[in-house]
C-alpha atoms as a PDB file:
ATOM      1  CA  MET A   1     -93.166 214.831  88.792  1.00  0.00           C
ATOM      2  CA  ARG A   2     -95.560 212.864  86.748  1.00  0.00           C
ATOM      3  CA  GLU A   3     -94.549 214.181  83.749  1.00  0.00           C
ATOM      4  CA  ARG A   4     -90.720 213.059  84.280  1.00  0.00           C
ATOM      5  CA  ILE A   5     -90.921 209.394  85.242  1.00  0.00           C
ATOM      6  CA  ALA A   6     -92.873 206.675  82.665  1.00  0.00           C
ATOM      7  CA  VAL A   7     -92.389 203.121  82.277  1.00  0.00           C
ATOM      8  CA  THR A   8     -92.311 200.855  79.044  1.00  0.00           C
ATOM      9  CA  ARG A   9     -92.052 197.744  78.502  1.00  0.00           C
ATOM     10  CA  ASP A  10     -89.236 196.870  76.365  1.00  0.00           C
ATOM     11  CA  ASP A  11     -85.815 195.532  76.177  1.00  0.00           C
ATOM     12  CA  ILE A  12     -83.317 198.139  78.148  1.00  0.00           C
ATOM     13  CA  THR A  13     -80.313 197.421  75.762  1.00  0.00           C
ATOM     14  CA  ARG A  14     -82.461 199.000  73.195  1.00  0.00           C
ATOM     15  CA  GLN A  15     -83.259 202.467  75.241  1.00  0.00           C
ATOM     16  CA  ARG A  16     -81.784 205.623  73.060  1.00  0.00           C
ATOM     17  CA  VAL A  17     -81.225 207.604  76.355  1.00  0.00           C
ATOM     18  CA  ASP A  18     -78.254 209.400  77.974  1.00  0.00           C
ATOM     19  CA  ALA A  19     -77.675 206.211  80.050  1.00  0.00           C
ATOM     20  CA  ILE A  20     -78.960 203.063  81.184  1.00  0.00           C
ATOM     21  CA  VAL A  21     -78.594 201.859  84.671  1.00  0.00           C
ATOM     22  CA  ASN A  22     -77.139 198.262  84.909  1.00  0.00           C
ATOM     23  CA  ALA A  23     -78.558 195.520  87.605  1.00  0.00           C
ATOM     24  CA  ALA A  24     -74.750 194.709  87.728  1.00  0.00           C
ATOM     25  CA  ASN A  25     -73.199 191.737  90.380  1.00  0.00           C
ATOM     26  CA  SER A  26     -70.014 193.364  92.590  1.00  0.00           C
ATOM     27  CA  SER A  27     -67.315 192.583  89.993  1.00  0.00           C
ATOM     28  CA  LEU A  28     -68.661 194.789  87.458  1.00  0.00           C
ATOM     29  CA  LEU A  29     -67.683 191.950  84.621  1.00  0.00           C
ATOM     30  CA  GLY A  30     -71.200 190.574  83.904  1.00  0.00           C
ATOM     31  CA  GLY A  31     -73.476 187.940  84.615  1.00  0.00           C
ATOM     32  CA  GLY A  32     -77.006 186.724  84.204  1.00  0.00           C
ATOM     33  CA  GLY A  33     -79.964 188.550  83.145  1.00  0.00           C
ATOM     34  CA  VAL A  34     -80.097 192.557  82.643  1.00  0.00           C
ATOM     35  CA  ASP A  35     -76.273 192.585  83.587  1.00  0.00           C
ATOM     36  CA  GLY A  36     -75.110 189.781  80.864  1.00  0.00           C
ATOM     37  CA  ALA A  37     -77.567 190.950  78.392  1.00  0.00           C
ATOM     38  CA  ILE A  38     -76.616 194.982  78.864  1.00  0.00           C
ATOM     39  CA  HIS A  39     -72.544 193.478  78.491  1.00  0.00           C
ATOM     40  CA  ARG A  40     -73.334 191.175  75.196  1.00  0.00           C
ATOM     41  CA  ALA A  41     -74.941 194.157  73.944  1.00  0.00           C
ATOM     42  CA  ALA A  42     -72.169 197.161  74.393  1.00  0.00           C
ATOM     43  CA  GLY A  43     -69.579 194.690  73.706  1.00  0.00           C
ATOM     44  CA  PRO A  44     -66.289 193.763  74.992  1.00  0.00           C
ATOM     45  CA  GLU A  45     -64.992 196.987  75.480  1.00  0.00           C
ATOM     46  CA  LEU A  46     -67.197 197.188  78.395  1.00  0.00           C
ATOM     47  CA  VAL A  47     -65.935 194.641  80.408  1.00  0.00           C
ATOM     48  CA  ALA A  48     -62.034 195.935  79.479  1.00  0.00           C
ATOM     49  CA  GLU A  49     -63.405 199.768  81.016  1.00  0.00           C
ATOM     50  CA  CYS A  50     -65.199 197.777  83.892  1.00  0.00           C
ATOM     51  CA  ARG A  51     -61.922 196.082  84.520  1.00  0.00           C
ATOM     52  CA  THR A  52     -60.398 199.521  85.310  1.00  0.00           C
ATOM     53  CA  LEU A  53     -63.082 200.327  88.146  1.00  0.00           C
ATOM     54  CA  GLY A  54     -62.604 197.419  90.068  1.00  0.00           C
ATOM     55  CA  ARG A  55     -65.194 196.179  92.596  1.00  0.00           C
ATOM     56  CA  CYS A  56     -68.925 198.594  93.253  1.00  0.00           C
ATOM     57  CA  PRO A  57     -70.118 197.798  96.585  1.00  0.00           C
ATOM     58  CA  THR A  58     -73.422 197.130  97.007  1.00  0.00           C
ATOM     59  CA  GLY A  59     -75.657 200.138  96.890  1.00  0.00           C
ATOM     60  CA  GLU A  60     -72.822 202.479  95.020  1.00  0.00           C
ATOM     61  CA  ALA A  61     -72.840 203.218  91.425  1.00  0.00           C
ATOM     62  CA  ARG A  62     -70.039 203.460  88.756  1.00  0.00           C
ATOM     63  CA  ILE A  63     -70.140 204.744  85.072  1.00  0.00           C
ATOM     64  CA  THR A  64     -68.429 203.965  81.556  1.00  0.00           C
ATOM     65  CA  ARG A  65     -69.308 204.410  78.507  1.00  0.00           C
ATOM     66  CA  GLY A  66     -72.064 202.983  76.197  1.00  0.00           C
ATOM     67  CA  TYR A  67     -70.101 201.417  73.556  1.00  0.00           C
ATOM     68  CA  ARG A  68     -72.143 199.323  71.105  1.00  0.00           C
ATOM     69  CA  LEU A  69     -75.658 200.267  72.980  1.00  0.00           C
ATOM     70  CA  PRO A  70     -77.842 203.321  71.632  1.00  0.00           C
ATOM     71  CA  ALA A  71     -77.455 204.798  75.048  1.00  0.00           C
ATOM     72  CA  ARG A  72     -74.105 207.020  75.497  1.00  0.00           C
ATOM     73  CA  HIS A  73     -73.540 205.683  78.881  1.00  0.00           C
ATOM     74  CA  VAL A  74     -74.044 202.433  81.145  1.00  0.00           C
ATOM     75  CA  ILE A  75     -74.118 203.507  85.326  1.00  0.00           C
ATOM     76  CA  HIS A  76     -73.514 200.066  87.065  1.00  0.00           C
ATOM     77  CA  THR A  77     -75.102 199.790  90.199  1.00  0.00           C
ATOM     78  CA  VAL A  78     -75.428 196.642  92.692  1.00  0.00           C
ATOM     79  CA  GLY A  79     -78.596 196.207  94.353  1.00  0.00           C
ATOM     80  CA  PRO A  80     -78.866 193.865  97.297  1.00  0.00           C
ATOM     81  CA  VAL A  81     -79.636 190.191  97.874  1.00  0.00           C
ATOM     82  CA  TRP A  82     -83.274 189.423  99.355  1.00  0.00           C
ATOM     83  CA  GLN A  83     -82.801 188.003 102.601  1.00  0.00           C
ATOM     84  CA  ASP A  84     -85.859 189.050 104.864  1.00  0.00           C
ATOM     85  CA  GLY A  85     -86.109 192.659 104.437  1.00  0.00           C
ATOM     86  CA  ARG A  86     -84.293 193.005 108.204  1.00  0.00           C
ATOM     87  CA  HIS A  87     -80.734 193.106 106.633  1.00  0.00           C
ATOM     88  CA  GLY A  88     -81.233 196.842 105.133  1.00  0.00           C
ATOM     89  CA  GLU A  89     -82.457 195.821 102.064  1.00  0.00           C
ATOM     90  CA  PRO A  90     -84.770 198.095 101.501  1.00  0.00           C
ATOM     91  CA  GLU A  91     -81.848 201.068 102.356  1.00  0.00           C
ATOM     92  CA  LEU A  92     -79.711 199.524  99.795  1.00  0.00           C
ATOM     93  CA  LEU A  93     -81.930 199.183  96.911  1.00  0.00           C
ATOM     94  CA  ALA A  94     -82.666 202.730  97.781  1.00  0.00           C
ATOM     95  CA  SER A  95     -78.846 203.894  97.567  1.00  0.00           C
ATOM     96  CA  CYS A  96     -78.887 202.435  94.301  1.00  0.00           C
ATOM     97  CA  TYR A  97     -81.397 204.754  92.683  1.00  0.00           C
ATOM     98  CA  ARG A  98     -80.170 207.680  94.554  1.00  0.00           C
ATOM     99  CA  ASN A  99     -76.228 207.137  93.702  1.00  0.00           C
ATOM    100  CA  SER A 100     -77.275 206.454  90.113  1.00  0.00           C
ATOM    101  CA  LEU A 101     -79.525 209.421  89.745  1.00  0.00           C
ATOM    102  CA  ALA A 102     -76.474 211.329  91.402  1.00  0.00           C
ATOM    103  CA  LEU A 103     -74.081 210.055  89.148  1.00  0.00           C
ATOM    104  CA  ALA A 104     -76.114 210.707  86.270  1.00  0.00           C
ATOM    105  CA  ALA A 105     -76.849 214.034  87.530  1.00  0.00           C
ATOM    106  CA  ARG A 106     -72.674 215.309  87.457  1.00  0.00           C
ATOM    107  CA  HIS A 107     -72.121 213.517  84.477  1.00  0.00           C
ATOM    108  CA  GLY A 108     -74.811 216.528  82.984  1.00  0.00           C
ATOM    109  CA  LEU A 109     -77.011 213.074  81.884  1.00  0.00           C
ATOM    110  CA  VAL A 110     -80.680 214.119  81.268  1.00  0.00           C
ATOM    111  CA  THR A 111     -82.108 210.808  80.383  1.00  0.00           C
ATOM    112  CA  VAL A 112     -81.899 208.007  82.141  1.00  0.00           C
ATOM    113  CA  ALA A 113     -83.374 204.206  82.042  1.00  0.00           C
ATOM    114  CA  PHE A 114     -83.691 201.758  85.115  1.00  0.00           C
ATOM    115  CA  PRO A 115     -84.090 198.319  84.737  1.00  0.00           C
ATOM    116  CA  ALA A 116     -85.687 196.414  88.165  1.00  0.00           C
ATOM    117  CA  ILE A 117     -82.786 196.194  90.472  1.00  0.00           C
ATOM    118  CA  SER A 118     -82.747 193.514  92.740  1.00  0.00           C
ATOM    119  CA  THR A 119     -85.854 191.685  90.960  1.00  0.00           C
ATOM    120  CA  GLY A 120     -84.168 188.813  88.973  1.00  0.00           C
ATOM    121  CA  ILE A 121     -82.044 186.368  90.585  1.00  0.00           C
ATOM    122  CA  TYR A 122     -81.162 188.645  93.592  1.00  0.00           C
ATOM    123  CA  GLY A 123     -85.229 187.629  94.368  1.00  0.00           C
ATOM    124  CA  TYR A 124     -85.946 191.034  96.098  1.00  0.00           C
ATOM    125  CA  PRO A 125     -90.128 191.118  96.159  1.00  0.00           C
ATOM    126  CA  LEU A 126     -91.471 193.218  92.958  1.00  0.00           C
ATOM    127  CA  GLU A 127     -94.504 195.030  94.536  1.00  0.00           C
ATOM    128  CA  PRO A 128     -92.027 196.727  97.500  1.00  0.00           C
ATOM    129  CA  ALA A 129     -89.003 196.652  94.947  1.00  0.00           C
ATOM    130  CA  THR A 130     -90.936 198.775  92.663  1.00  0.00           C
ATOM    131  CA  ARG A 131     -92.116 201.189  95.929  1.00  0.00           C
ATOM    132  CA  ILE A 132     -89.016 201.805  96.453  1.00  0.00           C
ATOM    133  CA  ALA A 133     -87.628 202.635  93.019  1.00  0.00           C
ATOM    134  CA  VAL A 134     -90.878 204.951  92.293  1.00  0.00           C
ATOM    135  CA  THR A 135     -90.598 207.290  95.357  1.00  0.00           C
ATOM    136  CA  GLU A 136     -86.829 207.099  95.468  1.00  0.00           C
ATOM    137  CA  THR A 137     -86.536 208.327  91.771  1.00  0.00           C
ATOM    138  CA  ALA A 138     -89.113 211.091  93.053  1.00  0.00           C
ATOM    139  CA  ARG A 139     -87.485 212.419  95.881  1.00  0.00           C
ATOM    140  CA  CYS A 140     -84.113 212.585  93.738  1.00  0.00           C
ATOM    141  CA  LEU A 141     -85.593 214.173  90.550  1.00  0.00           C
ATOM    142  CA  GLU A 142     -86.732 217.150  93.311  1.00  0.00           C
ATOM    143  CA  ALA A 143     -82.846 217.398  94.197  1.00  0.00           C
ATOM    144  CA  HIS A 144     -81.473 216.850  90.538  1.00  0.00           C
ATOM    145  CA  ALA A 145     -83.832 219.264  88.095  1.00  0.00           C
ATOM    146  CA  SER A 146     -81.091 218.762  85.816  1.00  0.00           C
ATOM    147  CA  ILE A 147     -81.906 215.189  84.788  1.00  0.00           C
ATOM    148  CA  ARG A 148     -85.514 215.628  82.598  1.00  0.00           C
ATOM    149  CA  GLN A 149     -86.482 211.935  82.083  1.00  0.00           C
ATOM    150  CA  VAL A 150     -86.036 208.831  83.900  1.00  0.00           C
ATOM    151  CA  THR A 151     -87.977 205.604  82.214  1.00  0.00           C
ATOM    152  CA  PHE A 152     -88.477 202.096  84.276  1.00  0.00           C
ATOM    153  CA  VAL A 153     -88.101 199.387  81.571  1.00  0.00           C
ATOM    154  CA  CYS A 154     -89.937 196.358  82.205  1.00  0.00           C
ATOM    155  CA  PHE A 155     -89.179 193.170  80.272  1.00  0.00           C
ATOM    156  CA  GLY A 156     -92.032 191.414  81.926  1.00  0.00           C
ATOM    157  CA  ASP A 157     -95.767 191.585  82.030  1.00  0.00           C
ATOM    158  CA  GLU A 158     -95.496 191.056  85.711  1.00  0.00           C
ATOM    159  CA  ALA A 159     -93.211 194.040  86.217  1.00  0.00           C
ATOM    160  CA  TYR A 160     -94.814 196.718  83.674  1.00  0.00           C
ATOM    161  CA  ARG A 161     -98.502 196.123  85.577  1.00  0.00           C
ATOM    162  CA  THR A 162     -96.661 196.636  89.060  1.00  0.00           C
ATOM    163  CA  TYR A 163     -94.835 199.681  87.953  1.00  0.00           C
ATOM    164  CA  GLN A 164     -98.205 201.325  86.519  1.00  0.00           C
ATOM    165  CA  GLN A 165    -100.089 200.227  89.608  1.00  0.00           C
ATOM    166  CA  VAL A 166     -96.988 201.894  91.781  1.00  0.00           C
ATOM    167  CA  MET A 167     -96.376 204.994  89.975  1.00  0.00           C
ATOM    168  CA  GLY A 168    -100.521 205.486  90.075  1.00  0.00           C
ATOM    169  CA  GLU A 169    -100.708 205.238  94.001  1.00  0.00           C
ATOM    170  CA  VAL A 170     -97.236 206.766  94.495  1.00  0.00           C
ATOM    171  CA  LEU A 171     -97.086 209.498  92.007  1.00  0.00           C
ATOM    172  CA  GLY A 172    -101.238 209.782  91.248  1.00  0.00           C
ATOM    173  CA  GLY A 173    -102.957 209.949  87.861  1.00  0.00           C
ATOM    174  CA  GLU A 174    -103.015 207.273  85.441  1.00  0.00           C
ATOM    175  CA  GLU A 175     -99.424 206.455  83.392  1.00  0.00           C
ATOM    176  CA  GLU A 176    -100.672 205.816  79.830  1.00  0.00           C
ATOM    177  CA  GLU A 177     -98.780 202.435  78.111  1.00  0.00           C
ATOM    178  CA  GLY A 178     -95.661 202.865  76.740  1.00  0.00           C
ATOM    179  CA  GLU A 179     -94.097 200.716  74.092  1.00  0.00           C
ATOM    180  CA  ARG A 180     -94.152 197.074  74.142  1.00  0.00           C
ATOM    181  CA  LEU A 181     -91.413 194.313  73.001  1.00  0.00           C
END
């Protein structure tokens, strides 16, 4: 499993993969953080396609083309807003990874890159969010043998270090250093 999951410190909009995952809001029409960066990099065609999809509930996922991105597709998923961890946030966050990877598998995608969903303005604490991301991804890859590689793309050093640590604990072994900005 370890060879199918990687971490890198980079800009997700530069990933040459079958799909990048967008930490979207429920409107799917763009916003701040990763969502805004993806929409800006993909161009106005992405918003036009997203308008045809309607809203996306928390924990679910939708797929679009990548347009001007190096990624062929964007999988949009809506993470939970952190309250206190007792309002279904862990299960909703796990659903983001489960539904995104199931969608990738249904569309025959083999390489997927994720940001740290919900850890920005949605306020999910980084370490527990990372543990859910890594654990759920490992489970999903067992069910979806067609997905060859999942990369967690961290924009900052703190997220990168946290993913390295959690991956070592959950998956075992040492994580090799990935690309850097």
